[in-house]
ModelCIF file with pLDDT and N, C-alpha, C, O atoms, coordinates in Angstrom:
data_MODEL
#
_entry.id   MODEL 
#
_entity.id                         1 
_entity.type                       polymer 
_entity.pdbx_number_of_molecules   1 
#
_entity_poly.entity_id                      1 
_entity_poly.type                           'polypeptide(L)' 
_entity_poly.nstd_linkage                   no 
_entity_poly.nstd_monomer                   no 
_entity_poly.pdbx_seq_one_letter_code       PPKKVVEEKKVLLGRPGNNLKAGIVGLANVGKSTF 
_entity_poly.pdbx_seq_one_letter_code_can   PPKKVVEEKKVLLGRPGNNLKAGIVGLANVGKSTF 
_entity_poly.pdbx_strand_id                 A 
#
loop_
_entity_poly_seq.entity_id 
_entity_poly_seq.num 
_entity_poly_seq.mon_id 
_entity_poly_seq.hetero 
1 1  PRO n 
1 2  PRO n 
1 3  LYS n 
1 4  LYS n 
1 5  VAL n 
1 6  VAL n 
1 7  GLU n 
1 8  GLU n 
1 9  LYS n 
1 10 LYS n 
1 11 VAL n 
1 12 LEU n 
1 13 LEU n 
1 14 GLY n 
1 15 ARG n 
1 16 PRO n 
1 17 GLY n 
1 18 ASN n 
1 19 ASN n 
1 20 LEU n 
1 21 LYS n 
1 22 ALA n 
1 23 GLY n 
1 24 ILE n 
1 25 VAL n 
1 26 GLY n 
1 27 LEU n 
1 28 ALA n 
1 29 ASN n 
1 30 VAL n 
1 31 GLY n 
1 32 LYS n 
1 33 SER n 
1 34 THR n 
1 35 PHE n 
#
_struct_asym.id          A 
_struct_asym.entity_id   1 
#
loop_
_ma_qa_metric.id 
_ma_qa_metric.mode 
_ma_qa_metric.name 
_ma_qa_metric.software_group_id 
_ma_qa_metric.type 
1 global pLDDT . pLDDT 
2 local  pLDDT . pLDDT 
#
_ma_qa_metric_global.metric_id      1 
_ma_qa_metric_global.metric_value   75.40 
_ma_qa_metric_global.model_id       1 
_ma_qa_metric_global.ordinal_id     1 
#
loop_
_ma_qa_metric_local.label_asym_id 
_ma_qa_metric_local.label_comp_id 
_ma_qa_metric_local.label_seq_id 
_ma_qa_metric_local.metric_id 
_ma_qa_metric_local.metric_value 
_ma_qa_metric_local.model_id 
_ma_qa_metric_local.ordinal_id 
A PRO 1  2 56.00 1 1  
A PRO 2  2 58.00 1 2  
A LYS 3  2 56.00 1 3  
A LYS 4  2 52.00 1 4  
A VAL 5  2 49.00 1 5  
A VAL 6  2 47.00 1 6  
A GLU 7  2 49.00 1 7  
A GLU 8  2 52.00 1 8  
A LYS 9  2 57.00 1 9  
A LYS 10 2 60.00 1 10 
A VAL 11 2 68.00 1 11 
A LEU 12 2 74.00 1 12 
A LEU 13 2 85.00 1 13 
A GLY 14 2 84.00 1 14 
A ARG 15 2 76.00 1 15 
A PRO 16 2 74.00 1 16 
A GLY 17 2 76.00 1 17 
A ASN 18 2 78.00 1 18 
A ASN 19 2 82.00 1 19 
A LEU 20 2 88.00 1 20 
A LYS 21 2 90.00 1 21 
A ALA 22 2 93.00 1 22 
A GLY 23 2 92.00 1 23 
A ILE 24 2 91.00 1 24 
A VAL 25 2 90.00 1 25 
A GLY 26 2 89.00 1 26 
A LEU 27 2 87.00 1 27 
A ALA 28 2 82.00 1 28 
A ASN 29 2 82.00 1 29 
A VAL 30 2 86.00 1 30 
A GLY 31 2 86.00 1 31 
A LYS 32 2 86.00 1 32 
A SER 33 2 86.00 1 33 
A THR 34 2 88.00 1 34 
A PHE 35 2 90.00 1 35 
#
loop_
_atom_site.group_PDB 
_atom_site.id 
_atom_site.type_symbol 
_atom_site.label_atom_id 
_atom_site.label_alt_id 
_atom_site.label_comp_id 
_atom_site.label_asym_id 
_atom_site.label_entity_id 
_atom_site.label_seq_id 
_atom_site.pdbx_PDB_ins_code 
_atom_site.Cartn_x 
_atom_site.Cartn_y 
_atom_site.Cartn_z 
_atom_site.occupancy 
_atom_site.B_iso_or_equiv 
_atom_site.pdbx_formal_charge 
_atom_site.auth_seq_id 
_atom_site.auth_comp_id 
_atom_site.auth_asym_id 
_atom_site.auth_atom_id 
_atom_site.pdbx_PDB_model_num 
ATOM 1   N N  . PRO A 1 1  ? -94.285  -36.859 47.126 1.00 56.00 ? 1  PRO A N  1 
ATOM 2   C CA . PRO A 1 1  ? -95.496  -37.681 47.108 1.00 56.00 ? 1  PRO A CA 1 
ATOM 3   C C  . PRO A 1 1  ? -95.164  -39.110 47.521 1.00 56.00 ? 1  PRO A C  1 
ATOM 4   O O  . PRO A 1 1  ? -94.066  -39.595 47.251 1.00 56.00 ? 1  PRO A O  1 
ATOM 5   N N  . PRO A 1 2  ? -96.105  -39.786 48.174 1.00 58.00 ? 2  PRO A N  1 
ATOM 6   C CA . PRO A 1 2  ? -95.829  -41.164 48.609 1.00 58.00 ? 2  PRO A CA 1 
ATOM 7   C C  . PRO A 1 2  ? -95.615  -42.080 47.416 1.00 58.00 ? 2  PRO A C  1 
ATOM 8   O O  . PRO A 1 2  ? -96.222  -41.907 46.359 1.00 58.00 ? 2  PRO A O  1 
ATOM 9   N N  . LYS A 1 3  ? -94.743  -43.055 47.607 1.00 56.00 ? 3  LYS A N  1 
ATOM 10  C CA . LYS A 1 3  ? -94.479  -44.005 46.530 1.00 56.00 ? 3  LYS A CA 1 
ATOM 11  C C  . LYS A 1 3  ? -95.711  -44.841 46.235 1.00 56.00 ? 3  LYS A C  1 
ATOM 12  O O  . LYS A 1 3  ? -96.419  -45.280 47.142 1.00 56.00 ? 3  LYS A O  1 
ATOM 13  N N  . LYS A 1 4  ? -95.951  -45.049 44.959 1.00 52.00 ? 4  LYS A N  1 
ATOM 14  C CA . LYS A 1 4  ? -97.094  -45.857 44.554 1.00 52.00 ? 4  LYS A CA 1 
ATOM 15  C C  . LYS A 1 4  ? -96.825  -47.327 44.869 1.00 52.00 ? 4  LYS A C  1 
ATOM 16  O O  . LYS A 1 4  ? -95.807  -47.884 44.459 1.00 52.00 ? 4  LYS A O  1 
ATOM 17  N N  . VAL A 1 5  ? -97.733  -47.935 45.588 1.00 49.00 ? 5  VAL A N  1 
ATOM 18  C CA . VAL A 1 5  ? -97.573  -49.345 45.945 1.00 49.00 ? 5  VAL A CA 1 
ATOM 19  C C  . VAL A 1 5  ? -98.054  -50.204 44.791 1.00 49.00 ? 5  VAL A C  1 
ATOM 20  O O  . VAL A 1 5  ? -99.218  -50.127 44.397 1.00 49.00 ? 5  VAL A O  1 
ATOM 21  N N  . VAL A 1 6  ? -97.173  -51.013 44.254 1.00 47.00 ? 6  VAL A N  1 
ATOM 22  C CA . VAL A 1 6  ? -97.524  -51.900 43.150 1.00 47.00 ? 6  VAL A CA 1 
ATOM 23  C C  . VAL A 1 6  ? -97.895  -53.260 43.714 1.00 47.00 ? 6  VAL A C  1 
ATOM 24  O O  . VAL A 1 6  ? -97.075  -53.930 44.342 1.00 47.00 ? 6  VAL A O  1 
ATOM 25  N N  . GLU A 1 7  ? -99.127  -53.656 43.485 1.00 49.00 ? 7  GLU A N  1 
ATOM 26  C CA . GLU A 1 7  ? -99.571  -54.952 43.990 1.00 49.00 ? 7  GLU A CA 1 
ATOM 27  C C  . GLU A 1 7  ? -98.968  -56.073 43.149 1.00 49.00 ? 7  GLU A C  1 
ATOM 28  O O  . GLU A 1 7  ? -99.128  -56.109 41.929 1.00 49.00 ? 7  GLU A O  1 
ATOM 29  N N  . GLU A 1 8  ? -98.284  -56.972 43.816 1.00 52.00 ? 8  GLU A N  1 
ATOM 30  C CA . GLU A 1 8  ? -97.624  -58.066 43.102 1.00 52.00 ? 8  GLU A CA 1 
ATOM 31  C C  . GLU A 1 8  ? -98.659  -59.086 42.642 1.00 52.00 ? 8  GLU A C  1 
ATOM 32  O O  . GLU A 1 8  ? -99.454  -59.585 43.438 1.00 52.00 ? 8  GLU A O  1 
ATOM 33  N N  . LYS A 1 9  ? -98.637  -59.387 41.354 1.00 57.00 ? 9  LYS A N  1 
ATOM 34  C CA . LYS A 1 9  ? -99.595  -60.327 40.793 1.00 57.00 ? 9  LYS A CA 1 
ATOM 35  C C  . LYS A 1 9  ? -99.256  -61.748 41.232 1.00 57.00 ? 9  LYS A C  1 
ATOM 36  O O  . LYS A 1 9  ? -98.092  -62.148 41.223 1.00 57.00 ? 9  LYS A O  1 
ATOM 37  N N  . LYS A 1 10 ? -100.269 -62.496 41.610 1.00 60.00 ? 10 LYS A N  1 
ATOM 38  C CA . LYS A 1 10 ? -100.051 -63.876 42.035 1.00 60.00 ? 10 LYS A CA 1 
ATOM 39  C C  . LYS A 1 10 ? -99.503  -64.691 40.871 1.00 60.00 ? 10 LYS A C  1 
ATOM 40  O O  . LYS A 1 10 ? -100.063 -64.682 39.775 1.00 60.00 ? 10 LYS A O  1 
ATOM 41  N N  . VAL A 1 11 ? -98.414  -65.386 41.118 1.00 68.00 ? 11 VAL A N  1 
ATOM 42  C CA . VAL A 1 11 ? -97.797  -66.216 40.078 1.00 68.00 ? 11 VAL A CA 1 
ATOM 43  C C  . VAL A 1 11 ? -98.605  -67.497 39.934 1.00 68.00 ? 11 VAL A C  1 
ATOM 44  O O  . VAL A 1 11 ? -98.890  -68.180 40.918 1.00 68.00 ? 11 VAL A O  1 
ATOM 45  N N  . LEU A 1 12 ? -98.969  -67.813 38.707 1.00 74.00 ? 12 LEU A N  1 
ATOM 46  C CA . LEU A 1 12 ? -99.812  -68.974 38.466 1.00 74.00 ? 12 LEU A CA 1 
ATOM 47  C C  . LEU A 1 12 ? -98.986  -70.245 38.350 1.00 74.00 ? 12 LEU A C  1 
ATOM 48  O O  . LEU A 1 12 ? -97.906  -70.252 37.759 1.00 74.00 ? 12 LEU A O  1 
ATOM 49  N N  . LEU A 1 13 ? -99.506  -71.300 38.917 1.00 85.00 ? 13 LEU A N  1 
ATOM 50  C CA . LEU A 1 13 ? -98.906  -72.610 38.716 1.00 85.00 ? 13 LEU A CA 1 
ATOM 51  C C  . LEU A 1 13 ? -99.280  -73.137 37.338 1.00 85.00 ? 13 LEU A C  1 
ATOM 52  O O  . LEU A 1 13 ? -100.219 -72.649 36.709 1.00 85.00 ? 13 LEU A O  1 
ATOM 53  N N  . GLY A 1 14 ? -98.539  -74.135 36.875 1.00 84.00 ? 14 GLY A N  1 
ATOM 54  C CA . GLY A 1 14 ? -98.881  -74.781 35.610 1.00 84.00 ? 14 GLY A CA 1 
ATOM 55  C C  . GLY A 1 14 ? -98.119  -74.210 34.439 1.00 84.00 ? 14 GLY A C  1 
ATOM 56  O O  . GLY A 1 14 ? -97.441  -73.189 34.550 1.00 84.00 ? 14 GLY A O  1 
ATOM 57  N N  . ARG A 1 15 ? -98.244  -74.889 33.314 1.00 76.00 ? 15 ARG A N  1 
ATOM 58  C CA . ARG A 1 15 ? -97.522  -74.459 32.121 1.00 76.00 ? 15 ARG A CA 1 
ATOM 59  C C  . ARG A 1 15 ? -98.178  -73.217 31.528 1.00 76.00 ? 15 ARG A C  1 
ATOM 60  O O  . ARG A 1 15 ? -99.380  -73.017 31.703 1.00 76.00 ? 15 ARG A O  1 
ATOM 61  N N  . PRO A 1 16 ? -97.415  -72.379 30.831 1.00 74.00 ? 16 PRO A N  1 
ATOM 62  C CA . PRO A 1 16 ? -97.932  -71.097 30.352 1.00 74.00 ? 16 PRO A CA 1 
ATOM 63  C C  . PRO A 1 16 ? -98.565  -71.150 28.968 1.00 74.00 ? 16 PRO A C  1 
ATOM 64  O O  . PRO A 1 16 ? -98.734  -70.106 28.339 1.00 74.00 ? 16 PRO A O  1 
ATOM 65  N N  . GLY A 1 17 ? -98.918  -72.325 28.480 1.00 76.00 ? 17 GLY A N  1 
ATOM 66  C CA . GLY A 1 17 ? -99.438  -72.432 27.125 1.00 76.00 ? 17 GLY A CA 1 
ATOM 67  C C  . GLY A 1 17 ? -100.833 -71.858 26.951 1.00 76.00 ? 17 GLY A C  1 
ATOM 68  O O  . GLY A 1 17 ? -101.476 -71.438 27.913 1.00 76.00 ? 17 GLY A O  1 
ATOM 69  N N  . ASN A 1 18 ? -101.289 -71.847 25.699 1.00 78.00 ? 18 ASN A N  1 
ATOM 70  C CA . ASN A 1 18 ? -102.606 -71.316 25.362 1.00 78.00 ? 18 ASN A CA 1 
ATOM 71  C C  . ASN A 1 18 ? -103.627 -72.426 25.127 1.00 78.00 ? 18 ASN A C  1 
ATOM 72  O O  . ASN A 1 18 ? -104.817 -72.229 25.374 1.00 78.00 ? 18 ASN A O  1 
ATOM 73  N N  . ASN A 1 19 ? -103.184 -73.577 24.660 1.00 82.00 ? 19 ASN A N  1 
ATOM 74  C CA . ASN A 1 19 ? -104.088 -74.700 24.400 1.00 82.00 ? 19 ASN A CA 1 
ATOM 75  C C  . ASN A 1 19 ? -104.134 -75.588 25.645 1.00 82.00 ? 19 ASN A C  1 
ATOM 76  O O  . ASN A 1 19 ? -103.597 -76.696 25.656 1.00 82.00 ? 19 ASN A O  1 
ATOM 77  N N  . LEU A 1 20 ? -104.785 -75.079 26.688 1.00 88.00 ? 20 LEU A N  1 
ATOM 78  C CA . LEU A 1 20 ? -104.792 -75.772 27.973 1.00 88.00 ? 20 LEU A CA 1 
ATOM 79  C C  . LEU A 1 20 ? -105.979 -76.733 28.066 1.00 88.00 ? 20 LEU A C  1 
ATOM 80  O O  . LEU A 1 20 ? -107.015 -76.526 27.434 1.00 88.00 ? 20 LEU A O  1 
ATOM 81  N N  . LYS A 1 21 ? -105.805 -77.788 28.869 1.00 90.00 ? 21 LYS A N  1 
ATOM 82  C CA . LYS A 1 21 ? -106.765 -78.893 28.901 1.00 90.00 ? 21 LYS A CA 1 
ATOM 83  C C  . LYS A 1 21 ? -107.403 -79.019 30.283 1.00 90.00 ? 21 LYS A C  1 
ATOM 84  O O  . LYS A 1 21 ? -106.729 -78.904 31.307 1.00 90.00 ? 21 LYS A O  1 
ATOM 85  N N  . ALA A 1 22 ? -108.710 -79.258 30.291 1.00 93.00 ? 22 ALA A N  1 
ATOM 86  C CA . ALA A 1 22 ? -109.437 -79.473 31.542 1.00 93.00 ? 22 ALA A CA 1 
ATOM 87  C C  . ALA A 1 22 ? -109.879 -80.927 31.613 1.00 93.00 ? 22 ALA A C  1 
ATOM 88  O O  . ALA A 1 22 ? -110.428 -81.462 30.651 1.00 93.00 ? 22 ALA A O  1 
ATOM 89  N N  . GLY A 1 23 ? -109.636 -81.567 32.760 1.00 92.00 ? 23 GLY A N  1 
ATOM 90  C CA . GLY A 1 23 ? -110.032 -82.962 32.946 1.00 92.00 ? 23 GLY A CA 1 
ATOM 91  C C  . GLY A 1 23 ? -111.233 -83.064 33.869 1.00 92.00 ? 23 GLY A C  1 
ATOM 92  O O  . GLY A 1 23 ? -111.326 -82.340 34.860 1.00 92.00 ? 23 GLY A O  1 
ATOM 93  N N  . ILE A 1 24 ? -112.158 -83.969 33.542 1.00 91.00 ? 24 ILE A N  1 
ATOM 94  C CA . ILE A 1 24 ? -113.339 -84.201 34.370 1.00 91.00 ? 24 ILE A CA 1 
ATOM 95  C C  . ILE A 1 24 ? -113.023 -85.355 35.315 1.00 91.00 ? 24 ILE A C  1 
ATOM 96  O O  . ILE A 1 24 ? -112.746 -86.473 34.881 1.00 91.00 ? 24 ILE A O  1 
ATOM 97  N N  . VAL A 1 25 ? -113.071 -85.062 36.623 1.00 90.00 ? 25 VAL A N  1 
ATOM 98  C CA . VAL A 1 25 ? -112.624 -86.004 37.648 1.00 90.00 ? 25 VAL A CA 1 
ATOM 99  C C  . VAL A 1 25 ? -113.756 -86.230 38.648 1.00 90.00 ? 25 VAL A C  1 
ATOM 100 O O  . VAL A 1 25 ? -114.566 -85.336 38.893 1.00 90.00 ? 25 VAL A O  1 
ATOM 101 N N  . GLY A 1 26 ? -113.805 -87.426 39.219 1.00 89.00 ? 26 GLY A N  1 
ATOM 102 C CA . GLY A 1 26 ? -114.777 -87.729 40.266 1.00 89.00 ? 26 GLY A CA 1 
ATOM 103 C C  . GLY A 1 26 ? -114.820 -89.223 40.512 1.00 89.00 ? 26 GLY A C  1 
ATOM 104 O O  . GLY A 1 26 ? -114.155 -89.992 39.818 1.00 89.00 ? 26 GLY A O  1 
ATOM 105 N N  . LEU A 1 27 ? -115.597 -89.635 41.496 1.00 87.00 ? 27 LEU A N  1 
ATOM 106 C CA . LEU A 1 27 ? -115.799 -91.059 41.722 1.00 87.00 ? 27 LEU A CA 1 
ATOM 107 C C  . LEU A 1 27 ? -116.606 -91.657 40.582 1.00 87.00 ? 27 LEU A C  1 
ATOM 108 O O  . LEU A 1 27 ? -117.133 -90.932 39.739 1.00 87.00 ? 27 LEU A O  1 
ATOM 109 N N  . ALA A 1 28 ? -116.700 -92.975 40.557 1.00 82.00 ? 28 ALA A N  1 
ATOM 110 C CA . ALA A 1 28 ? -117.500 -93.636 39.531 1.00 82.00 ? 28 ALA A CA 1 
ATOM 111 C C  . ALA A 1 28 ? -118.977 -93.316 39.723 1.00 82.00 ? 28 ALA A C  1 
ATOM 112 O O  . ALA A 1 28 ? -119.450 -93.159 40.848 1.00 82.00 ? 28 ALA A O  1 
ATOM 113 N N  . ASN A 1 29 ? -119.696 -93.223 38.610 1.00 82.00 ? 29 ASN A N  1 
ATOM 114 C CA . ASN A 1 29 ? -121.165 -93.064 38.604 1.00 82.00 ? 29 ASN A CA 1 
ATOM 115 C C  . ASN A 1 29 ? -121.655 -91.800 39.294 1.00 82.00 ? 29 ASN A C  1 
ATOM 116 O O  . ASN A 1 29 ? -122.667 -91.813 39.995 1.00 82.00 ? 29 ASN A O  1 
ATOM 117 N N  . VAL A 1 30 ? -120.923 -90.702 39.085 1.00 86.00 ? 30 VAL A N  1 
ATOM 118 C CA . VAL A 1 30 ? -121.395 -89.422 39.622 1.00 86.00 ? 30 VAL A CA 1 
ATOM 119 C C  . VAL A 1 30 ? -121.914 -88.505 38.520 1.00 86.00 ? 30 VAL A C  1 
ATOM 120 O O  . VAL A 1 30 ? -122.420 -87.418 38.802 1.00 86.00 ? 30 VAL A O  1 
ATOM 121 N N  . GLY A 1 31 ? -121.787 -88.944 37.248 1.00 86.00 ? 31 GLY A N  1 
ATOM 122 C CA . GLY A 1 31 ? -122.298 -88.165 36.124 1.00 86.00 ? 31 GLY A CA 1 
ATOM 123 C C  . GLY A 1 31 ? -121.234 -87.560 35.237 1.00 86.00 ? 31 GLY A C  1 
ATOM 124 O O  . GLY A 1 31 ? -121.534 -86.675 34.435 1.00 86.00 ? 31 GLY A O  1 
ATOM 125 N N  . LYS A 1 32 ? -119.966 -88.025 35.361 1.00 86.00 ? 32 LYS A N  1 
ATOM 126 C CA . LYS A 1 32 ? -118.874 -87.430 34.591 1.00 86.00 ? 32 LYS A CA 1 
ATOM 127 C C  . LYS A 1 32 ? -119.058 -87.602 33.091 1.00 86.00 ? 32 LYS A C  1 
ATOM 128 O O  . LYS A 1 32 ? -118.986 -86.627 32.342 1.00 86.00 ? 32 LYS A O  1 
ATOM 129 N N  . SER A 1 33 ? -119.295 -88.826 32.645 1.00 86.00 ? 33 SER A N  1 
ATOM 130 C CA . SER A 1 33 ? -119.390 -89.081 31.210 1.00 86.00 ? 33 SER A CA 1 
ATOM 131 C C  . SER A 1 33 ? -120.628 -88.428 30.604 1.00 86.00 ? 33 SER A C  1 
ATOM 132 O O  . SER A 1 33 ? -120.587 -87.956 29.468 1.00 86.00 ? 33 SER A O  1 
ATOM 133 N N  . THR A 1 34 ? -121.725 -88.398 31.354 1.00 88.00 ? 34 THR A N  1 
ATOM 134 C CA . THR A 1 34 ? -122.921 -87.718 30.863 1.00 88.00 ? 34 THR A CA 1 
ATOM 135 C C  . THR A 1 34 ? -122.666 -86.222 30.762 1.00 88.00 ? 34 THR A C  1 
ATOM 136 O O  . THR A 1 34 ? -123.120 -85.575 29.818 1.00 88.00 ? 34 THR A O  1 
ATOM 137 N N  . PHE A 1 35 ? -121.942 -85.670 31.729 1.00 90.00 ? 35 PHE A N  1 
ATOM 138 C CA . PHE A 1 35 ? -121.543 -84.259 31.667 1.00 90.00 ? 35 PHE A CA 1 
ATOM 139 C C  . PHE A 1 35 ? -120.664 -84.018 30.446 1.00 90.00 ? 35 PHE A C  1 
ATOM 140 O O  . PHE A 1 35 ? -120.223 -82.892 30.216 1.00 90.00 ? 35 PHE A O  1 
#
C-alpha cells in the first residue's frame, strides 16, 4: 500500500505560553482606546 503522507504542521512563531497578550495598534485617533 502507498505510504501515508503526513502533512507537516506549520511551526508557529512566538513564545509557546498559554497566557498570551494581544496589543491594540494603529495611528492616533483611529478608535483604539474606545475599542
